[in-house]
Amino acid sequence: MAKFYRNEYIEGGELRIIKIDPVDISKYTTEIRENYLEGNLILIENYRPKLNLDIFNFPSLKLLDNKALIAGLEQPDEKGFYVKKATASQVARAVYSDKNASDELEKAMLQCDVEVAKLFLSLFRVPNKSLSLGSVSTWRITPTARENYHLDIYTNTVLRAFWNISEKPRSWGVGHKSSELIQKNIKALKEFIASKKSSGNTVDQGEINRFINSYTDNLERHKIEFYQYDLWLCDSVKVAHQIIGGDKVAAFSYVFQPGSLIREKIRRKLNYMDYIKAYIE
């Protein structure tokens, strides 16, 4: 089970962590969705898709020339390290030289991606309306170095979940939501936005979170350790987080495909600029 280490010196810390048993996911879809939309973290401990999970019990690969072999979307190098884009097939072959084993790993990766996408679909689907998700998930099979406490800087809506496939715990620093962090330095943020607009520039969510990140790393935070097969859902543009250390992990990420229909109230909460509108106007 995941372990939570409370920091008594944290100021504020409005983030809530909601624990859900895997067998109860269908019973609590509304609670999961609403907490996700509000910028909380939903923890599903010991999440086990119906497949041979032993296929994930391989040693993590070493970083080569400061490059990590990651299956999926290429990541930016703003945090001081580089990422090599690779397909699931390439990663599977790097892990297992035996073709049968590498084929099984590749299928398992794709199956898990589909399973978590179905979970998100169950949260946001409107009856009799079209909804489809495109995967931009990544599989990180090398050790993860410590990073700063931050909000992600995506410029579009991305549904996110993380799954620890390592026997080693994955440690995060957590505690704050972006709505809270905006209020901590609202005067400076409003001046930044006004300056951008006076120059004829628009301000997107990535720029706002980049500004917030300029002061988040000085904040006290709690620590949580996620154990093997723990799955946690959180909107990483709303949830401040810090990877303290970890090993192999799947970072599931999905975008809404064109033509997808969701309820307007939910769409506004998913849209980051709508979510923070009340705080910056």
C-alpha atoms as a PDB file:
ATOM      1  CA  MET A   1       0.000   0.000   0.000  1.00  0.00           C
ATOM      2  CA  ALA A   2       1.103   3.547  -0.724  1.00  0.00           C
ATOM      3  CA  LYS A   3       2.683   5.449   2.173  1.00  0.00           C
ATOM      4  CA  PHE A   4       2.020   9.111   2.942  1.00  0.00           C
ATOM      5  CA  TYR A   5       4.502  11.220   4.903  1.00  0.00           C
ATOM      6  CA  ARG A   6       2.917  14.415   6.212  1.00  0.00           C
ATOM      7  CA  ASN A   7       5.016  17.569   6.388  1.00  0.00           C
ATOM      8  CA  GLU A   8       3.815  19.609   9.375  1.00  0.00           C
ATOM      9  CA  TYR A   9       5.540  22.724   8.049  1.00  0.00           C
ATOM     10  CA  ILE A  10       3.580  22.936   4.809  1.00  0.00           C
ATOM     11  CA  GLU A  11       1.577  26.127   4.338  1.00  0.00           C
ATOM     12  CA  GLY A  12      -1.887  25.564   2.911  1.00  0.00           C
ATOM     13  CA  GLY A  13      -1.687  22.316   1.040  1.00  0.00           C
ATOM     14  CA  GLU A  14      -5.224  21.997  -0.319  1.00  0.00           C
ATOM     15  CA  LEU A  15      -4.575  18.845  -2.353  1.00  0.00           C
ATOM     16  CA  ARG A  16      -6.755  15.890  -1.398  1.00  0.00           C
ATOM     17  CA  ILE A  17      -5.731  12.263  -2.001  1.00  0.00           C
ATOM     18  CA  ILE A  18      -8.702   9.986  -2.654  1.00  0.00           C
ATOM     19  CA  LYS A  19      -8.155   6.230  -2.311  1.00  0.00           C
ATOM     20  CA  ILE A  20     -10.314   3.879  -4.373  1.00  0.00           C
ATOM     21  CA  ASP A  21     -10.216   0.081  -4.320  1.00  0.00           C
ATOM     22  CA  PRO A  22      -9.871  -1.315  -7.879  1.00  0.00           C
ATOM     23  CA  VAL A  23     -13.065  -3.369  -7.468  1.00  0.00           C
ATOM     24  CA  ASP A  24     -14.992  -0.188  -6.595  1.00  0.00           C
ATOM     25  CA  ILE A  25     -13.996   1.939  -9.591  1.00  0.00           C
ATOM     26  CA  SER A  26     -17.376   1.549 -11.328  1.00  0.00           C
ATOM     27  CA  LYS A  27     -19.214   2.494  -8.113  1.00  0.00           C
ATOM     28  CA  TYR A  28     -17.337   5.752  -7.673  1.00  0.00           C
ATOM     29  CA  THR A  29     -16.982   7.135 -11.214  1.00  0.00           C
ATOM     30  CA  THR A  30     -18.665  10.412 -10.228  1.00  0.00           C
ATOM     31  CA  GLU A  31     -16.399  10.889  -7.204  1.00  0.00           C
ATOM     32  CA  ILE A  32     -13.308  10.031  -9.267  1.00  0.00           C
ATOM     33  CA  ARG A  33     -14.297  12.421 -12.054  1.00  0.00           C
ATOM     34  CA  GLU A  34     -15.165  15.343  -9.773  1.00  0.00           C
ATOM     35  CA  ASN A  35     -11.956  15.033  -7.765  1.00  0.00           C
ATOM     36  CA  TYR A  36      -9.922  14.785 -10.953  1.00  0.00           C
ATOM     37  CA  LEU A  37     -11.605  17.939 -12.302  1.00  0.00           C
ATOM     38  CA  GLU A  38     -10.988  19.800  -9.036  1.00  0.00           C
ATOM     39  CA  GLY A  39      -7.257  19.077  -9.175  1.00  0.00           C
ATOM     40  CA  ASN A  40      -7.048  16.334  -6.571  1.00  0.00           C
ATOM     41  CA  LEU A  41      -5.169  13.024  -6.784  1.00  0.00           C
ATOM     42  CA  ILE A  42      -7.042   9.726  -7.053  1.00  0.00           C
ATOM     43  CA  LEU A  43      -5.064   6.694  -5.900  1.00  0.00           C
ATOM     44  CA  ILE A  44      -6.098   3.214  -7.046  1.00  0.00           C
ATOM     45  CA  GLU A  45      -3.844   0.875  -5.130  1.00  0.00           C
ATOM     46  CA  ASN A  46      -2.655  -2.399  -6.637  1.00  0.00           C
ATOM     47  CA  TYR A  47      -4.305  -1.860 -10.020  1.00  0.00           C
ATOM     48  CA  ARG A  48      -3.856  -5.108 -11.957  1.00  0.00           C
ATOM     49  CA  PRO A  49      -5.059  -5.425 -15.557  1.00  0.00           C
ATOM     50  CA  LYS A  50      -5.871  -9.011 -16.545  1.00  0.00           C
ATOM     51  CA  LEU A  51      -2.581 -10.017 -18.106  1.00  0.00           C
ATOM     52  CA  ASN A  52       0.711 -11.610 -17.164  1.00  0.00           C
ATOM     53  CA  LEU A  53       2.164  -8.857 -14.980  1.00  0.00           C
ATOM     54  CA  ASP A  54       5.394 -10.818 -14.549  1.00  0.00           C
ATOM     55  CA  ILE A  55       6.353  -9.533 -17.993  1.00  0.00           C
ATOM     56  CA  PHE A  56       7.063  -6.157 -16.337  1.00  0.00           C
ATOM     57  CA  ASN A  57       9.518  -7.639 -13.826  1.00  0.00           C
ATOM     58  CA  PHE A  58      12.642  -6.824 -15.803  1.00  0.00           C
ATOM     59  CA  PRO A  59      15.600  -4.747 -14.596  1.00  0.00           C
ATOM     60  CA  SER A  60      15.353  -1.104 -15.562  1.00  0.00           C
ATOM     61  CA  LEU A  61      17.690  -0.006 -18.308  1.00  0.00           C
ATOM     62  CA  LYS A  62      20.614   2.278 -17.585  1.00  0.00           C
ATOM     63  CA  LEU A  63      20.737   5.816 -18.904  1.00  0.00           C
ATOM     64  CA  LEU A  64      23.102   6.025 -21.864  1.00  0.00           C
ATOM     65  CA  ASP A  65      24.819   9.369 -22.537  1.00  0.00           C
ATOM     66  CA  ASN A  66      22.216  11.049 -20.318  1.00  0.00           C
ATOM     67  CA  LYS A  67      19.452   9.773 -22.606  1.00  0.00           C
ATOM     68  CA  ALA A  68      16.478   7.719 -21.498  1.00  0.00           C
ATOM     69  CA  LEU A  69      14.787   5.241 -23.784  1.00  0.00           C
ATOM     70  CA  ILE A  70      11.093   6.021 -23.519  1.00  0.00           C
ATOM     71  CA  ALA A  71       8.245   4.547 -25.529  1.00  0.00           C
ATOM     72  CA  GLY A  72       5.791   7.123 -26.767  1.00  0.00           C
ATOM     73  CA  LEU A  73       5.735  10.866 -27.152  1.00  0.00           C
ATOM     74  CA  GLU A  74       9.018  12.751 -27.221  1.00  0.00           C
ATOM     75  CA  GLN A  75       9.384  14.905 -24.106  1.00  0.00           C
ATOM     76  CA  PRO A  76      10.927  18.409 -23.816  1.00  0.00           C
ATOM     77  CA  ASP A  77      14.393  18.766 -22.338  1.00  0.00           C
ATOM     78  CA  GLU A  78      13.574  21.787 -20.137  1.00  0.00           C
ATOM     79  CA  LYS A  79      14.464  19.882 -16.960  1.00  0.00           C
ATOM     80  CA  GLY A  80      18.059  19.375 -17.963  1.00  0.00           C
ATOM     81  CA  PHE A  81      17.915  15.917 -19.487  1.00  0.00           C
ATOM     82  CA  TYR A  82      17.156  14.510 -22.890  1.00  0.00           C
ATOM     83  CA  VAL A  83      14.686  11.908 -23.932  1.00  0.00           C
ATOM     84  CA  LYS A  84      14.894   9.600 -26.894  1.00  0.00           C
ATOM     85  CA  LYS A  85      11.652   8.883 -28.673  1.00  0.00           C
ATOM     86  CA  ALA A  86      10.986   5.206 -29.304  1.00  0.00           C
ATOM     87  CA  THR A  87       8.138   2.910 -30.221  1.00  0.00           C
ATOM     88  CA  ALA A  88       6.707   0.314 -27.861  1.00  0.00           C
ATOM     89  CA  SER A  89       8.265  -2.332 -30.093  1.00  0.00           C
ATOM     90  CA  GLN A  90      11.739  -0.782 -29.842  1.00  0.00           C
ATOM     91  CA  VAL A  91      11.518  -0.569 -26.066  1.00  0.00           C
ATOM     92  CA  ALA A  92      10.276  -4.154 -25.786  1.00  0.00           C
ATOM     93  CA  ARG A  93      13.204  -5.383 -27.902  1.00  0.00           C
ATOM     94  CA  ALA A  94      15.630  -3.356 -25.787  1.00  0.00           C
ATOM     95  CA  VAL A  95      14.295  -5.114 -22.680  1.00  0.00           C
ATOM     96  CA  TYR A  96      14.022  -8.665 -24.022  1.00  0.00           C
ATOM     97  CA  SER A  97      16.256 -10.169 -26.682  1.00  0.00           C
ATOM     98  CA  ASP A  98      13.887 -13.145 -26.945  1.00  0.00           C
ATOM     99  CA  LYS A  99      11.259 -12.320 -29.585  1.00  0.00           C
ATOM    100  CA  ASN A 100       8.411 -14.090 -27.807  1.00  0.00           C
ATOM    101  CA  ALA A 101       9.093 -12.181 -24.597  1.00  0.00           C
ATOM    102  CA  SER A 102       9.472  -8.826 -26.381  1.00  0.00           C
ATOM    103  CA  ASP A 103       6.237  -9.426 -28.309  1.00  0.00           C
ATOM    104  CA  GLU A 104       4.430 -10.225 -25.055  1.00  0.00           C
ATOM    105  CA  LEU A 105       5.779  -7.063 -23.411  1.00  0.00           C
ATOM    106  CA  GLU A 106       4.727  -4.913 -26.354  1.00  0.00           C
ATOM    107  CA  LYS A 107       1.203  -6.372 -26.287  1.00  0.00           C
ATOM    108  CA  ALA A 108       1.004  -5.882 -22.520  1.00  0.00           C
ATOM    109  CA  MET A 109       2.016  -2.213 -22.853  1.00  0.00           C
ATOM    110  CA  LEU A 110      -0.627  -1.597 -25.497  1.00  0.00           C
ATOM    111  CA  GLN A 111      -3.286  -3.512 -23.553  1.00  0.00           C
ATOM    112  CA  CYS A 112      -2.643  -1.488 -20.392  1.00  0.00           C
ATOM    113  CA  ASP A 113      -2.837   1.720 -22.399  1.00  0.00           C
ATOM    114  CA  VAL A 114      -6.248   0.667 -23.718  1.00  0.00           C
ATOM    115  CA  GLU A 115      -7.469  -0.350 -20.238  1.00  0.00           C
ATOM    116  CA  VAL A 116      -6.642   3.014 -18.684  1.00  0.00           C
ATOM    117  CA  ALA A 117      -8.158   4.835 -21.679  1.00  0.00           C
ATOM    118  CA  LYS A 118     -11.385   2.889 -21.035  1.00  0.00           C
ATOM    119  CA  LEU A 119     -11.262   4.045 -17.416  1.00  0.00           C
ATOM    120  CA  PHE A 120     -11.131   7.683 -18.523  1.00  0.00           C
ATOM    121  CA  LEU A 121     -13.880   7.072 -21.083  1.00  0.00           C
ATOM    122  CA  SER A 122     -16.101   5.725 -18.296  1.00  0.00           C
ATOM    123  CA  LEU A 123     -15.545   8.985 -16.392  1.00  0.00           C
ATOM    124  CA  PHE A 124     -16.317  11.404 -19.211  1.00  0.00           C
ATOM    125  CA  ARG A 125     -18.574   9.621 -21.690  1.00  0.00           C
ATOM    126  CA  VAL A 126     -22.016  11.084 -22.330  1.00  0.00           C
ATOM    127  CA  PRO A 127     -24.661   8.432 -23.197  1.00  0.00           C
ATOM    128  CA  ASN A 128     -25.290   8.180 -26.940  1.00  0.00           C
ATOM    129  CA  LYS A 129     -22.583  10.754 -27.724  1.00  0.00           C
ATOM    130  CA  SER A 130     -19.302  10.241 -29.527  1.00  0.00           C
ATOM    131  CA  LEU A 131     -16.187  10.257 -27.360  1.00  0.00           C
ATOM    132  CA  SER A 132     -12.793   8.931 -28.345  1.00  0.00           C
ATOM    133  CA  LEU A 133      -9.306   9.411 -26.961  1.00  0.00           C
ATOM    134  CA  GLY A 134      -5.942   9.458 -28.659  1.00  0.00           C
ATOM    135  CA  SER A 135      -3.024   8.053 -26.693  1.00  0.00           C
ATOM    136  CA  VAL A 136       0.176  10.014 -26.175  1.00  0.00           C
ATOM    137  CA  SER A 137       1.274   7.746 -23.306  1.00  0.00           C
ATOM    138  CA  THR A 138       4.894   7.026 -22.423  1.00  0.00           C
ATOM    139  CA  TRP A 139       6.665   4.072 -20.817  1.00  0.00           C
ATOM    140  CA  ARG A 140       9.722   5.085 -18.832  1.00  0.00           C
ATOM    141  CA  ILE A 141      11.934   2.097 -18.175  1.00  0.00           C
ATOM    142  CA  THR A 142      14.999   3.864 -16.810  1.00  0.00           C
ATOM    143  CA  PRO A 143      15.535   5.316 -13.317  1.00  0.00           C
ATOM    144  CA  THR A 144      14.013   8.763 -12.839  1.00  0.00           C
ATOM    145  CA  ALA A 145      16.130  11.524 -11.377  1.00  0.00           C
ATOM    146  CA  ARG A 146      14.904  14.021  -8.794  1.00  0.00           C
ATOM    147  CA  GLU A 147      13.144  17.025 -10.307  1.00  0.00           C
ATOM    148  CA  ASN A 148      11.777  20.358  -9.123  1.00  0.00           C
ATOM    149  CA  TYR A 149       8.344  20.838  -7.580  1.00  0.00           C
ATOM    150  CA  HIS A 150       6.230  22.042 -10.482  1.00  0.00           C
ATOM    151  CA  LEU A 151       3.045  22.145 -12.508  1.00  0.00           C
ATOM    152  CA  ASP A 152       3.170  20.691 -16.009  1.00  0.00           C
ATOM    153  CA  ILE A 153       3.059  23.160 -18.887  1.00  0.00           C
ATOM    154  CA  TYR A 154       0.869  21.468 -21.476  1.00  0.00           C
ATOM    155  CA  THR A 155      -0.952  23.929 -23.686  1.00  0.00           C
ATOM    156  CA  ASN A 156      -3.914  21.627 -24.353  1.00  0.00           C
ATOM    157  CA  THR A 157      -6.136  19.305 -22.330  1.00  0.00           C
ATOM    158  CA  VAL A 158      -4.421  16.009 -21.507  1.00  0.00           C
ATOM    159  CA  LEU A 159      -5.942  13.299 -19.296  1.00  0.00           C
ATOM    160  CA  ARG A 160      -3.171  11.798 -17.145  1.00  0.00           C
ATOM    161  CA  ALA A 161      -2.542   8.767 -14.968  1.00  0.00           C
ATOM    162  CA  PHE A 162       0.619   7.104 -13.706  1.00  0.00           C
ATOM    163  CA  TRP A 163       1.287   3.433 -12.976  1.00  0.00           C
ATOM    164  CA  ASN A 164       4.318   2.183 -11.066  1.00  0.00           C
ATOM    165  CA  ILE A 165       5.503  -1.078 -12.626  1.00  0.00           C
ATOM    166  CA  SER A 166       8.662  -1.270 -10.536  1.00  0.00           C
ATOM    167  CA  GLU A 167       9.206  -3.245  -7.345  1.00  0.00           C
ATOM    168  CA  LYS A 168      10.786  -0.041  -5.999  1.00  0.00           C
ATOM    169  CA  PRO A 169       8.490   2.668  -4.619  1.00  0.00           C
ATOM    170  CA  ARG A 170       8.047   5.799  -6.708  1.00  0.00           C
ATOM    171  CA  SER A 171       8.258   8.881  -4.492  1.00  0.00           C
ATOM    172  CA  TRP A 172       6.471  12.142  -5.194  1.00  0.00           C
ATOM    173  CA  GLY A 173       6.380  15.458  -3.397  1.00  0.00           C
ATOM    174  CA  VAL A 174       2.797  16.775  -3.357  1.00  0.00           C
ATOM    175  CA  GLY A 175       0.547  19.155  -1.471  1.00  0.00           C
ATOM    176  CA  HIS A 176      -0.659  22.062  -3.585  1.00  0.00           C
ATOM    177  CA  LYS A 177      -3.131  22.699  -6.383  1.00  0.00           C
ATOM    178  CA  SER A 178      -2.588  25.371  -9.020  1.00  0.00           C
ATOM    179  CA  SER A 179      -5.635  27.301  -7.789  1.00  0.00           C
ATOM    180  CA  GLU A 180      -3.891  27.670  -4.436  1.00  0.00           C
ATOM    181  CA  LEU A 181      -0.504  28.514  -5.955  1.00  0.00           C
ATOM    182  CA  ILE A 182      -2.044  31.252  -8.108  1.00  0.00           C
ATOM    183  CA  GLN A 183      -3.395  32.945  -4.991  1.00  0.00           C
ATOM    184  CA  LYS A 184       0.001  32.806  -3.267  1.00  0.00           C
ATOM    185  CA  ASN A 185       1.430  35.292  -5.781  1.00  0.00           C
ATOM    186  CA  ILE A 186      -1.649  36.696  -7.478  1.00  0.00           C
ATOM    187  CA  LYS A 187      -0.403  40.297  -7.708  1.00  0.00           C
ATOM    188  CA  ALA A 188       2.778  39.350  -9.566  1.00  0.00           C
ATOM    189  CA  LEU A 189       0.881  36.936 -11.818  1.00  0.00           C
ATOM    190  CA  LYS A 190      -1.681  39.579 -12.780  1.00  0.00           C
ATOM    191  CA  GLU A 191       1.135  42.014 -13.555  1.00  0.00           C
ATOM    192  CA  PHE A 192       2.783  39.352 -15.748  1.00  0.00           C
ATOM    193  CA  ILE A 193      -0.468  38.720 -17.652  1.00  0.00           C
ATOM    194  CA  ALA A 194      -1.127  42.458 -18.064  1.00  0.00           C
ATOM    195  CA  SER A 195       2.399  42.981 -19.402  1.00  0.00           C
ATOM    196  CA  LYS A 196       1.949  40.220 -21.981  1.00  0.00           C
ATOM    197  CA  LYS A 197      -1.416  41.572 -23.097  1.00  0.00           C
ATOM    198  CA  SER A 198      -0.161  45.172 -23.327  1.00  0.00           C
ATOM    199  CA  SER A 199       2.429  43.906 -25.820  1.00  0.00           C
ATOM    200  CA  GLY A 200      -0.336  42.393 -27.914  1.00  0.00           C
ATOM    201  CA  ASN A 201       0.386  38.818 -26.828  1.00  0.00           C
ATOM    202  CA  THR A 202      -2.058  36.247 -25.527  1.00  0.00           C
ATOM    203  CA  VAL A 203      -1.242  34.196 -22.437  1.00  0.00           C
ATOM    204  CA  ASP A 204      -1.817  30.447 -22.498  1.00  0.00           C
ATOM    205  CA  GLN A 205      -1.868  27.921 -19.677  1.00  0.00           C
ATOM    206  CA  GLY A 206       1.707  26.875 -20.315  1.00  0.00           C
ATOM    207  CA  GLU A 207       2.988  30.422 -19.739  1.00  0.00           C
ATOM    208  CA  ILE A 208       0.915  30.817 -16.594  1.00  0.00           C
ATOM    209  CA  ASN A 209       2.220  27.570 -15.112  1.00  0.00           C
ATOM    210  CA  ARG A 210       5.753  28.449 -16.140  1.00  0.00           C
ATOM    211  CA  PHE A 211       5.389  31.659 -14.130  1.00  0.00           C
ATOM    212  CA  ILE A 212       3.970  29.766 -11.134  1.00  0.00           C
ATOM    213  CA  ASN A 213       6.835  27.283 -11.335  1.00  0.00           C
ATOM    214  CA  SER A 214       9.283  30.130 -10.727  1.00  0.00           C
ATOM    215  CA  TYR A 215       8.368  30.037  -7.025  1.00  0.00           C
ATOM    216  CA  THR A 216       6.931  26.558  -6.327  1.00  0.00           C
ATOM    217  CA  ASP A 217      10.243  24.831  -5.605  1.00  0.00           C
ATOM    218  CA  ASN A 218      10.711  26.888  -2.431  1.00  0.00           C
ATOM    219  CA  LEU A 219       7.502  25.511  -0.895  1.00  0.00           C
ATOM    220  CA  GLU A 220       7.335  22.764   1.700  1.00  0.00           C
ATOM    221  CA  ARG A 221       5.504  19.641   0.514  1.00  0.00           C
ATOM    222  CA  HIS A 222       4.321  16.233   1.655  1.00  0.00           C
ATOM    223  CA  LYS A 223       5.790  12.989   0.373  1.00  0.00           C
ATOM    224  CA  ILE A 224       3.941   9.964  -0.946  1.00  0.00           C
ATOM    225  CA  GLU A 225       5.390   6.609  -2.012  1.00  0.00           C
ATOM    226  CA  PHE A 226       3.527   4.653  -4.670  1.00  0.00           C
ATOM    227  CA  TYR A 227       4.145   0.920  -4.634  1.00  0.00           C
ATOM    228  CA  GLN A 228       4.205  -1.599  -7.460  1.00  0.00           C
ATOM    229  CA  TYR A 229       1.000  -1.515  -9.538  1.00  0.00           C
ATOM    230  CA  ASP A 230      -0.371   1.549  -7.778  1.00  0.00           C
ATOM    231  CA  LEU A 231      -2.223   3.716 -10.310  1.00  0.00           C
ATOM    232  CA  TRP A 232      -2.830   7.397  -9.638  1.00  0.00           C
ATOM    233  CA  LEU A 233      -4.891   9.819 -11.673  1.00  0.00           C
ATOM    234  CA  CYS A 234      -4.249  13.550 -11.526  1.00  0.00           C
ATOM    235  CA  ASP A 235      -4.372  16.507 -13.873  1.00  0.00           C
ATOM    236  CA  SER A 236      -0.707  17.408 -13.766  1.00  0.00           C
ATOM    237  CA  VAL A 237      -1.289  21.012 -14.874  1.00  0.00           C
ATOM    238  CA  LYS A 238      -3.421  21.443 -11.722  1.00  0.00           C
ATOM    239  CA  VAL A 239      -1.500  19.235  -9.265  1.00  0.00           C
ATOM    240  CA  ALA A 240       1.941  20.425  -8.213  1.00  0.00           C
ATOM    241  CA  HIS A 241       4.266  17.439  -8.047  1.00  0.00           C
ATOM    242  CA  GLN A 242       7.897  16.515  -7.722  1.00  0.00           C
ATOM    243  CA  ILE A 243       9.466  13.226  -8.644  1.00  0.00           C
ATOM    244  CA  ILE A 244      11.812  12.532  -5.742  1.00  0.00           C
ATOM    245  CA  GLY A 245      12.894   9.174  -7.093  1.00  0.00           C
ATOM    246  CA  GLY A 246      11.612   6.132  -8.885  1.00  0.00           C
ATOM    247  CA  ASP A 247      12.204   3.465 -11.442  1.00  0.00           C
ATOM    248  CA  LYS A 248       9.977   2.035 -14.186  1.00  0.00           C
ATOM    249  CA  VAL A 249       6.646   3.757 -14.705  1.00  0.00           C
ATOM    250  CA  ALA A 250       3.904   4.124 -17.296  1.00  0.00           C
ATOM    251  CA  ALA A 251       2.693   7.695 -17.782  1.00  0.00           C
ATOM    252  CA  PHE A 252      -0.698   7.357 -19.446  1.00  0.00           C
ATOM    253  CA  SER A 253      -1.762  10.448 -21.380  1.00  0.00           C
ATOM    254  CA  TYR A 254      -4.793  10.939 -23.616  1.00  0.00           C
ATOM    255  CA  VAL A 255      -6.201  13.752 -25.725  1.00  0.00           C
ATOM    256  CA  PHE A 256      -9.751  14.123 -26.946  1.00  0.00           C
ATOM    257  CA  GLN A 257     -10.129  13.255 -30.611  1.00  0.00           C
ATOM    258  CA  PRO A 258     -11.927  15.720 -32.943  1.00  0.00           C
ATOM    259  CA  GLY A 259     -15.685  15.292 -32.770  1.00  0.00           C
ATOM    260  CA  SER A 260     -15.691  14.080 -29.162  1.00  0.00           C
ATOM    261  CA  LEU A 261     -18.620  15.440 -27.158  1.00  0.00           C
ATOM    262  CA  ILE A 262     -18.625  15.965 -23.387  1.00  0.00           C
ATOM    263  CA  ARG A 263     -20.931  17.916 -21.098  1.00  0.00           C
ATOM    264  CA  GLU A 264     -20.314  21.672 -21.180  1.00  0.00           C
ATOM    265  CA  LYS A 265     -19.933  21.886 -17.394  1.00  0.00           C
ATOM    266  CA  ILE A 266     -17.248  19.174 -17.505  1.00  0.00           C
ATOM    267  CA  ARG A 267     -15.552  20.722 -20.524  1.00  0.00           C
ATOM    268  CA  ARG A 268     -15.169  24.019 -18.660  1.00  0.00           C
ATOM    269  CA  LYS A 269     -13.609  22.272 -15.668  1.00  0.00           C
ATOM    270  CA  LEU A 270     -11.241  20.324 -17.905  1.00  0.00           C
ATOM    271  CA  ASN A 271     -10.186  23.492 -19.704  1.00  0.00           C
ATOM    272  CA  TYR A 272      -7.381  24.902 -17.575  1.00  0.00           C
ATOM    273  CA  MET A 273      -7.984  28.547 -18.470  1.00  0.00           C
ATOM    274  CA  ASP A 274     -11.644  28.198 -17.494  1.00  0.00           C
ATOM    275  CA  TYR A 275     -10.610  26.414 -14.282  1.00  0.00           C
ATOM    276  CA  ILE A 276      -8.382  29.301 -13.148  1.00  0.00           C
ATOM    277  CA  LYS A 277     -10.454  32.131 -14.638  1.00  0.00           C
ATOM    278  CA  ALA A 278     -12.011  33.168 -11.326  1.00  0.00           C
ATOM    279  CA  TYR A 279      -8.543  33.600  -9.770  1.00  0.00           C
ATOM    280  CA  ILE A 280      -6.834  35.701 -12.430  1.00  0.00           C
ATOM    281  CA  GLU A 281      -9.586  38.097 -13.491  1.00  0.00           C
END
